[in-house]
Protein backbone atom coordinates (compact mmCIF):
# COMPACT_ATOMS: atom_id res chain seq x y z
CA MET A 1 -33.91 60.78 177.84
CA ILE A 2 -34.39 64.55 177.51
CA THR A 3 -32.10 64.40 174.52
CA VAL A 4 -34.11 61.88 172.83
CA ILE A 5 -37.74 63.59 173.41
CA LEU A 6 -35.68 67.12 171.65
CA ALA A 7 -34.50 64.94 168.82
CA LEU A 8 -38.12 63.54 168.34
CA ALA A 9 -39.53 66.99 168.57
CA VAL A 10 -37.16 68.31 165.97
CA VAL A 11 -37.86 65.58 163.39
CA ALA A 12 -41.67 65.99 163.92
CA THR A 13 -41.52 69.61 163.63
CA ILE A 14 -39.24 69.34 160.34
CA GLY A 15 -41.81 66.55 159.37
CA THR A 16 -44.67 69.13 159.65
CA VAL A 17 -42.75 71.94 158.03
CA GLY A 18 -42.34 69.45 155.07
CA ALA A 19 -45.88 68.63 154.75
CA THR A 20 -46.77 72.37 154.75
CA LEU A 21 -44.15 73.20 151.99
CA ALA A 22 -45.52 70.17 150.11
CA VAL A 23 -49.11 71.19 150.34
CA ARG A 24 -48.42 74.59 149.23
CA SER A 25 -46.33 73.49 146.29
CA THR A 26 -49.27 71.11 145.32
CA GLN A 27 -51.43 74.30 145.62
CA SER A 28 -49.16 76.84 144.01
CA SER A 29 -48.76 74.09 141.00
CA GLY A 30 -52.54 73.48 140.91
CA LEU A 31 -52.86 77.55 140.64
CA VAL A 32 -50.42 77.58 137.93
CA GLN A 33 -51.97 74.81 136.10
CA LEU A 34 -55.09 76.58 136.49
CA SER A 35 -53.56 79.91 135.47
CA GLY A 36 -52.22 78.33 132.26
CA GLN A 37 -55.46 76.58 131.57
CA VAL A 38 -57.63 80.00 131.61
CA THR A 39 -55.10 81.76 129.63
CA ASP A 40 -55.42 79.00 127.23
CA LEU A 41 -59.14 79.47 127.20
CA SER A 42 -58.94 83.42 126.87
CA ASN A 43 -56.49 82.69 123.97
CA ALA A 44 -58.95 80.65 122.19
CA GLY A 45 -61.57 82.72 122.43
CA LEU A 46 -59.24 85.76 121.04
CA ALA A 47 -58.45 83.26 117.96
CA GLN A 48 -62.46 82.79 117.50
CA GLY A 49 -62.90 86.67 117.39
CA VAL A 50 -60.14 86.97 114.67
CA SER A 51 -61.64 84.33 112.94
CA TYR A 52 -65.05 85.84 112.91
CA LEU A 53 -63.30 88.83 111.47
CA GLN A 54 -62.02 86.97 109.04
CA THR A 55 -65.18 85.17 107.42
CA ASN A 56 -67.55 87.76 108.26
CA SER A 57 -68.18 91.03 106.40
CA LEU A 58 -67.69 94.13 108.82
CA ALA A 59 -71.15 95.49 108.23
CA THR A 60 -72.75 93.99 111.47
CA LEU A 61 -70.00 95.42 113.95
CA ALA A 62 -70.68 99.01 113.89
CA ALA A 63 -72.46 98.75 117.12
CA THR A 64 -71.26 95.52 118.75
CA SER A 65 -70.98 95.87 122.38
CA GLU A 66 -70.50 93.54 125.19
CA ALA A 67 -74.05 92.60 125.15
CA ALA A 68 -73.68 90.72 122.30
CA ALA A 69 -70.78 88.54 124.15
CA GLU A 70 -70.76 84.59 122.79
CA THR A 71 -70.14 81.95 125.51
CA VAL A 72 -68.32 78.83 124.07
CA THR A 73 -68.13 75.97 126.33
CA THR A 74 -65.33 73.32 125.86
CA ALA A 75 -64.11 70.15 127.85
CA GLU A 76 -61.76 72.03 129.52
CA GLY A 77 -64.00 75.16 130.57
CA SER A 78 -65.33 78.09 128.77
CA TYR A 79 -64.63 81.61 127.31
CA VAL A 80 -66.78 84.35 126.20
CA PHE A 81 -65.70 86.81 123.45
CA TRP A 82 -67.00 89.74 121.72
CA VAL A 83 -65.72 92.54 119.41
CA GLU A 84 -65.75 96.31 119.96
CA PRO A 85 -65.60 98.48 117.29
CA ILE A 86 -62.43 100.92 117.39
CA ALA A 87 -62.22 102.38 113.79
CA PRO A 88 -64.80 100.90 112.22
CA TRP A 89 -65.20 100.17 108.48
CA PRO A 90 -65.93 101.74 105.78
CA ASP A 91 -65.25 105.02 107.45
CA ASN A 92 -61.51 104.20 108.56
CA THR A 93 -58.79 102.38 106.37
CA PRO A 94 -57.45 100.63 107.95
CA ALA A 95 -60.58 99.20 110.08
CA VAL A 96 -59.52 98.33 113.91
CA TYR A 97 -61.61 96.26 116.30
CA ARG A 98 -60.74 94.97 119.53
CA VAL A 99 -61.48 91.39 120.45
CA HIS A 100 -62.35 90.71 124.03
CA SER A 101 -62.18 87.30 125.70
CA THR A 102 -62.36 85.87 129.21
CA GLY A 103 -61.38 82.08 130.20
CA LEU A 104 -63.37 81.01 132.76
CA GLN A 105 -62.86 77.48 134.64
CA GLY A 106 -63.98 77.09 138.08
CA THR A 107 -62.71 79.61 140.57
CA GLY A 108 -60.21 80.86 137.88
CA ALA A 109 -60.79 83.70 135.04
CA ARG A 110 -58.14 85.29 132.62
CA GLU A 111 -59.23 88.47 130.36
CA ALA A 112 -57.45 89.04 127.38
CA THR A 113 -57.70 91.47 124.56
CA VAL A 114 -56.23 92.02 121.09
CA ASP A 115 -56.45 94.84 118.39
CA VAL A 116 -57.23 93.69 114.86
CA SER A 117 -56.52 95.90 111.77
CA LEU A 118 -58.19 94.85 108.45
CA THR A 119 -56.91 96.85 105.29
CA PRO A 120 -58.21 95.70 101.98
CA PHE A 121 -55.83 94.23 99.49
CA GLU A 122 -53.59 96.74 98.59
CA GLY A 123 -54.17 98.75 95.45
CA VAL A 124 -57.53 96.87 94.49
CA PRO A 125 -59.08 98.89 91.99
CA PHE A 126 -62.51 99.01 93.96
CA GLY A 127 -64.38 100.89 90.95
CA VAL A 128 -64.33 99.73 86.90
CA PHE A 129 -61.06 99.63 86.03
CA GLY A 130 -59.47 98.29 82.60
CA ARG A 131 -56.68 98.37 80.46
CA ASN A 132 -59.29 99.98 78.02
CA VAL A 133 -62.72 100.62 78.91
CA ALA A 134 -65.52 101.42 76.22
CA LEU A 135 -68.33 103.12 77.59
CA GLY A 136 -71.83 103.47 75.38
CA GLY A 137 -75.10 102.35 74.62
CA SER A 138 -77.67 102.95 77.61
CA SER A 139 -75.17 101.46 80.01
CA VAL A 140 -74.28 103.63 83.40
CA VAL A 141 -71.98 103.51 86.21
CA VAL A 142 -73.55 104.41 89.11
CA ASP A 143 -72.03 105.51 92.19
CA GLN A 144 -68.33 104.75 91.45
CA SER A 145 -65.59 105.63 89.08
CA VAL A 146 -63.97 104.31 85.90
CA PHE A 147 -60.11 103.95 86.12
CA SER A 148 -57.85 103.11 82.76
CA THR A 149 -54.14 103.02 81.59
CA GLY A 150 -55.64 103.08 78.47
CA CYS A 151 -58.59 104.35 76.45
CA ILE A 152 -62.01 105.30 78.21
CA GLY A 153 -63.76 105.76 74.99
CA GLY A 154 -67.74 106.60 74.61
CA ARG A 155 -67.75 109.13 77.43
CA ALA A 156 -70.78 111.20 77.54
CA PRO A 157 -72.78 113.16 80.09
CA GLY A 158 -74.82 110.75 82.37
CA SER A 159 -72.57 107.55 81.58
CA ILE A 160 -71.17 107.99 85.04
CA THR A 161 -73.20 109.49 87.61
CA GLY A 162 -73.53 109.74 91.43
CA THR A 163 -70.93 109.66 94.03
CA ASP A 164 -67.84 107.19 94.20
CA LEU A 165 -68.64 105.35 97.80
CA TYR A 166 -65.56 103.78 98.01
CA ARG A 167 -63.56 107.34 97.88
CA GLY A 168 -66.44 109.83 99.03
CA ILE A 169 -65.75 112.12 96.10
CA PRO A 170 -67.96 112.49 92.73
CA ALA A 171 -67.65 109.47 90.35
CA ALA A 172 -65.57 110.17 87.28
CA ALA A 173 -63.51 108.83 84.63
CA HIS A 174 -59.73 108.75 85.21
CA SER A 175 -57.28 107.92 82.58
CA SER A 176 -53.45 107.73 82.31
CA ASN A 177 -54.20 108.20 78.41
CA HIS A 178 -57.33 109.64 77.36
CA VAL A 179 -60.69 110.06 78.10
CA SER A 180 -62.91 110.56 74.63
CA GLU A 181 -66.31 110.76 73.67
CA THR A 182 -65.66 108.85 70.58
CA ASN A 183 -67.02 105.71 70.60
CA GLN A 184 -64.04 103.14 70.73
CA GLN A 185 -63.78 99.07 70.62
CA PRO A 186 -62.19 98.56 73.77
CA SER A 187 -59.26 96.67 72.43
CA ALA A 188 -58.11 98.81 69.65
CA PRO A 189 -56.25 101.50 69.89
CA VAL A 190 -55.03 101.14 73.11
CA ASP A 191 -54.78 104.70 73.09
CA CYS A 192 -57.37 107.47 72.33
CA PRO A 193 -56.03 110.22 70.10
CA ARG A 194 -54.86 113.05 72.29
CA ASP A 195 -57.00 115.69 70.08
CA GLU A 196 -59.95 113.51 70.77
CA SER A 197 -59.56 113.91 74.64
CA ILE A 198 -62.43 115.67 76.40
CA HIS A 199 -59.90 117.87 77.53
CA ASN A 200 -58.55 118.63 74.04
CA GLY A 201 -59.80 122.20 72.13
CA ALA A 202 -61.45 120.25 69.29
CA ALA A 203 -63.56 118.25 71.76
CA GLN A 204 -64.98 121.71 73.31
CA GLN A 205 -65.18 123.00 69.78
CA THR A 206 -62.68 125.56 70.11
CA ASP A 207 -58.85 125.34 69.10
CA PRO A 208 -58.07 121.57 68.40
CA PHE A 209 -54.50 122.28 69.17
CA VAL A 210 -54.91 123.79 72.64
CA SER A 211 -55.36 122.03 75.65
CA LEU A 212 -58.49 123.34 78.05
CA PRO A 213 -57.93 121.50 81.54
CA CYS A 214 -61.53 122.25 82.68
CA ASN A 215 -64.39 120.55 80.74
CA PRO A 216 -67.22 121.93 82.70
CA LEU A 217 -69.12 118.60 81.09
CA TYR A 218 -66.99 116.37 82.91
CA GLN A 219 -64.94 118.60 85.44
CA TYR A 220 -64.00 115.81 87.50
CA ASP A 221 -62.50 113.64 85.11
CA HIS A 222 -58.71 113.22 84.69
CA ASP A 223 -56.38 112.25 81.38
CA ASN A 224 -53.05 112.77 80.31
CA ALA A 225 -54.35 116.08 78.24
CA GLY A 226 -55.61 117.86 81.42
CA GLY A 227 -53.71 120.51 83.29
CA PRO A 228 -54.15 122.90 86.71
CA VAL A 229 -57.65 124.11 86.75
CA GLY A 230 -56.84 126.72 89.45
CA GLY A 231 -59.04 129.68 88.43
CA THR A 232 -60.90 127.81 86.04
CA PRO A 233 -64.87 127.01 86.36
CA CYS A 234 -63.36 123.56 87.41
CA ASP A 235 -61.35 125.50 90.42
CA GLY A 236 -61.97 123.16 93.48
CA LEU A 237 -61.25 119.55 92.26
CA PRO A 238 -61.09 117.27 94.95
CA VAL A 239 -57.96 115.26 93.90
CA GLU A 240 -55.05 117.66 93.82
CA ASN A 241 -57.21 120.25 92.23
CA THR A 242 -56.05 119.47 88.53
CA SER A 243 -57.39 117.23 85.73
CA LEU A 244 -54.16 115.74 84.75
CA ILE A 245 -52.75 112.36 85.12
CA GLN A 246 -49.35 112.24 83.73
CA ASP A 247 -48.72 108.30 83.67
CA LYS A 248 -49.70 105.02 84.69
CA ALA A 249 -47.66 105.53 88.27
CA ASP A 250 -49.64 108.79 88.79
CA LEU A 251 -52.89 107.12 88.07
CA ARG A 252 -51.54 104.51 91.12
CA ARG A 253 -50.26 107.38 93.20
CA MET A 254 -53.45 109.30 93.03
CA PHE A 255 -56.38 106.78 93.65
CA GLY A 256 -54.21 104.04 95.51
CA LEU A 257 -54.45 101.61 92.80
CA SER A 258 -52.77 99.01 91.22
CA GLU A 259 -53.41 97.52 87.67
CA GLY A 260 -55.65 94.52 88.66
CA LEU A 261 -54.69 91.81 91.24
CA THR A 262 -50.93 90.58 92.06
CA ALA A 263 -49.99 87.38 91.72
CA GLU A 264 -49.89 87.06 95.69
CA GLN A 265 -53.79 88.03 96.00
CA VAL A 266 -54.71 85.67 93.13
CA GLU A 267 -53.28 83.13 95.01
CA ALA A 268 -55.14 84.07 98.27
CA LEU A 269 -58.62 83.95 96.79
CA GLU A 270 -57.76 80.57 94.76
CA GLU A 271 -56.77 79.00 98.15
CA ALA A 272 -60.18 80.40 99.67
CA ALA A 273 -62.25 79.13 97.09
CA ARG A 274 -60.71 75.56 97.11
CA SER A 275 -61.38 75.72 100.81
CA GLN A 276 -64.67 76.58 100.01
CA GLY A 277 -65.14 73.86 97.54
CA ASN A 278 -65.87 76.62 94.40
CA TYR A 279 -62.82 76.24 92.22
CA THR A 280 -63.58 74.74 88.91
CA THR A 281 -61.46 74.50 85.47
CA SER A 282 -64.76 74.65 83.45
CA ALA A 283 -66.37 78.15 82.33
CA SER A 284 -69.82 76.31 82.94
CA PRO A 285 -69.53 73.52 85.56
CA GLY A 286 -73.11 73.49 86.07
CA ILE A 287 -75.90 73.09 88.57
CA GLY A 288 -73.76 70.17 90.31
CA TRP A 289 -71.21 72.37 91.42
CA TYR A 290 -70.72 73.17 95.25
CA GLY A 291 -72.35 76.75 94.55
CA PHE A 292 -74.69 79.15 93.24
CA GLY A 293 -76.65 79.77 96.37
CA ALA A 294 -75.16 77.13 98.71
CA ASP A 295 -73.23 78.44 101.83
CA PRO A 296 -70.96 80.24 103.10
CA ALA A 297 -72.54 83.53 102.59
CA HIS A 298 -69.30 85.04 101.96
CA SER A 299 -68.06 83.39 99.18
CA VAL A 300 -65.05 83.20 96.63
CA TYR A 301 -65.66 81.33 93.16
CA PHE A 302 -62.59 80.74 91.27
CA TYR A 303 -62.60 79.84 87.19
CA ASP A 304 -59.34 78.45 86.38
CA LEU A 305 -59.13 78.49 82.57
CA GLU A 306 -55.79 79.11 82.12
CA ALA A 307 -55.73 75.53 80.21
CA SER A 308 -58.61 75.76 78.39
CA ASP A 309 -60.69 78.32 76.44
CA GLY A 310 -64.26 79.42 77.05
CA ARG A 311 -66.19 82.80 78.60
CA VAL A 312 -68.00 82.98 81.83
CA ASP A 313 -71.71 84.30 81.72
CA LEU A 314 -72.58 85.59 85.05
CA LYS A 315 -76.33 84.52 84.26
CA ASP A 316 -75.07 81.35 85.89
CA PHE A 317 -75.60 82.89 89.34
CA ALA A 318 -79.30 83.43 88.83
CA GLY A 319 -81.09 82.11 91.46
CA SER A 320 -78.30 82.63 93.92
CA ARG A 321 -78.50 84.10 97.41
CA TRP A 322 -76.49 87.06 95.78
CA VAL A 323 -79.08 88.17 93.54
CA ASP A 324 -80.43 91.49 94.40
CA THR A 325 -84.06 91.01 95.10
CA GLY A 326 -84.71 94.99 95.13
CA SER A 327 -86.15 94.32 99.05
CA GLY A 328 -83.95 97.20 100.05
CA THR A 329 -82.66 94.97 102.95
CA CYS A 330 -78.92 94.65 103.19
CA ASP A 331 -77.79 91.23 104.10
CA ASP A 332 -74.48 90.12 105.65
CA GLU A 333 -73.32 88.39 102.80
CA SER A 334 -70.51 88.67 99.56
CA LEU A 335 -69.34 87.00 96.49
CA VAL A 336 -65.81 87.37 94.94
CA ILE A 337 -65.39 85.80 91.24
CA VAL A 338 -62.20 85.58 90.03
CA ILE A 339 -61.94 84.28 86.16
CA LYS A 340 -58.53 83.61 85.20
CA GLY A 341 -57.38 82.94 81.61
CA ALA A 342 -60.80 83.64 79.89
CA SER A 343 -63.20 86.20 79.38
CA GLY A 344 -66.54 86.95 81.16
CA ARG A 345 -70.08 89.08 80.41
CA PHE A 346 -73.42 88.94 82.05
CA ASN A 347 -76.11 88.34 80.06
CA GLY A 348 -79.99 88.27 81.38
CA ASN A 349 -82.09 90.67 83.53
CA ILE A 350 -80.92 90.22 86.77
CA ASP A 351 -79.01 92.31 89.39
CA LEU A 352 -76.12 90.46 91.33
CA ARG A 353 -74.31 91.52 94.06
CA ALA A 354 -70.73 90.60 93.36
CA SER A 355 -66.87 91.57 93.11
CA VAL A 356 -65.21 90.46 89.74
CA PHE A 357 -61.80 90.33 88.59
CA LEU A 358 -60.67 89.00 85.13
CA ILE A 359 -57.04 87.87 85.04
CA PRO A 360 -55.51 87.71 81.58
CA LYS A 361 -53.84 84.08 80.54
CA GLY A 362 -50.21 84.34 81.99
CA GLY A 363 -50.90 87.47 83.63
CA THR A 364 -50.18 89.28 80.43
CA ALA A 365 -52.45 91.99 78.91
CA GLY A 366 -53.43 92.38 75.46
CA GLY A 367 -55.04 89.25 74.50
CA ASP A 368 -58.59 87.92 74.31
CA GLU A 369 -58.51 86.66 77.60
CA GLY A 370 -59.07 88.71 80.87
CA ASP A 371 -61.84 90.82 79.22
CA TRP A 372 -65.33 91.63 80.01
CA ASP A 373 -67.47 91.40 76.74
CA LYS A 374 -70.27 93.56 75.82
CA GLY A 375 -73.56 91.60 77.38
CA ASN A 376 -77.18 91.39 76.29
CA GLY A 377 -80.12 92.34 78.32
CA THR A 378 -80.26 94.64 80.98
CA ALA A 379 -77.93 92.82 83.88
CA GLY A 380 -77.02 95.15 86.69
CA LEU A 381 -73.68 93.88 88.51
CA ILE A 382 -73.40 95.88 92.21
CA GLY A 383 -69.99 95.71 92.76
CA ASN A 384 -66.54 96.36 91.54
CA LEU A 385 -65.22 95.34 88.09
CA SER A 386 -61.46 94.82 87.13
CA GLY A 387 -60.29 93.32 83.80
CA ASP A 388 -58.07 93.78 80.75
CA ASP A 389 -60.36 95.26 78.05
CA VAL A 390 -63.80 96.52 79.49
CA ASP A 391 -66.92 96.68 77.09
CA LEU A 392 -69.52 98.38 78.83
CA ARG A 393 -71.70 99.27 75.53
CA GLY A 394 -75.00 98.01 75.91
CA ASN A 395 -77.74 98.07 78.39
CA GLY A 396 -76.31 96.98 81.46
CA GLU A 397 -75.50 98.83 84.69
CA VAL A 398 -72.60 98.59 87.03
CA ARG A 399 -73.25 100.26 90.39
CA LEU A 400 -72.54 100.77 93.87
CA ASP A 401 -74.60 101.18 97.08
CA GLU A 402 -74.31 101.54 100.74
CA CYS A 403 -74.61 97.98 101.49
CA ALA A 404 -71.86 96.63 98.84
CA VAL A 405 -69.37 99.10 100.26
CA ALA A 406 -70.29 97.66 103.95
CA THR A 407 -70.29 94.20 103.13
CA VAL A 408 -67.18 93.99 100.95
CA SER A 409 -65.71 90.28 101.06
CA PRO A 410 -63.31 89.72 103.99
CA ALA A 411 -61.23 87.72 101.51
CA LEU A 412 -60.02 90.86 99.85
CA PHE A 413 -58.81 92.14 103.47
CA VAL A 414 -55.59 91.73 104.98
CA THR A 415 -55.54 90.93 108.71
CA ARG A 416 -52.85 91.94 111.59
CA THR A 417 -53.38 91.37 115.01
CA GLU A 418 -51.13 93.78 117.63
CA ASN A 419 -51.47 94.96 120.89
CA TYR A 420 -52.21 91.82 122.98
CA ARG A 421 -52.97 92.54 126.75
CA GLU A 422 -53.67 89.89 129.55
CA LEU A 423 -55.71 91.04 132.63
CA ASP A 424 -56.06 88.81 135.70
CA ASN A 425 -59.57 88.96 137.51
């Protein structure tokens, strides 16, 4: 009898232990499940923070703090995310931001962070860039520099003014060929004669066979006829203390440039435009095209004219949200215009905030496509301009301001994530 009672007691004890273990197992499983769910929620917040950085300009993030955190509720729970500037644009390249996110479900919470670095497309020629550039007339380039692998003609005092806001140096002309005061058609010749260079003695009314690296009228300009300026009135130049650019490679090295966009960069911008409904094969798509002032605020327009002829006139953007009204406010919006296989120009009397890239047909320089043609009127482009042969003669203006630098299109940045951290609360 005693044996039976002891046996029943052992069975009962085992049953109790088993039940306890089962409860604990269920609780543990529930905790694991909850932990996984809040982790997923916090990761969703990180993804949304990264997406925000990829689709908005960085201008509004300089002073972002946890007080600006956004809460998103889902069927599974909620998450709270915000973006902390670590090394903000435009003072840092790459710019670095930290996305904070907390996933919440019931009593469970999981905080995570990830660092996001944003670097402008490598080599993008921020400024005015052309295989040849023609200055002249009453046109002026303000607060940005002019770059060329060929001739920069029509140089005159006052044709390039202010500070290159992208680089923090005086705005100037920089060519791996020559900079000349002589008015030149932008496509012929490709090269300015050396004896017409601003760094040749003839241009400075002295010995035409002598190179004079310092031209006080254009002391910050560079070309292939320049040289070291130490001990001259130009001594102390901000770029290597020389007025010499030896060749294309030297131009790219000194200013971090490429000759226009790479094929991969063009493809990325085409994909962005297609996703926004802003891709067209017509030079004049008309007002029925989804654009000319519609959302999104940060837009890419892609004119693919490889299979056709035509010339795009930016006056079509009159009345759009990107026209500068002179109000003095800096709106969080940007516009990128890519013209592939055709030329472009800007007639009219409006100021447009945009970055414009012209791509020669087949990517080969030297044809009539990919050129920026001389416009009529007093139109002003606030942003960078890159093309094959760039004709700026006339009455227009290409300029930068602090707002244009702060609101560089997110489509022109490469985004990388690193330093993922997870922290239980």
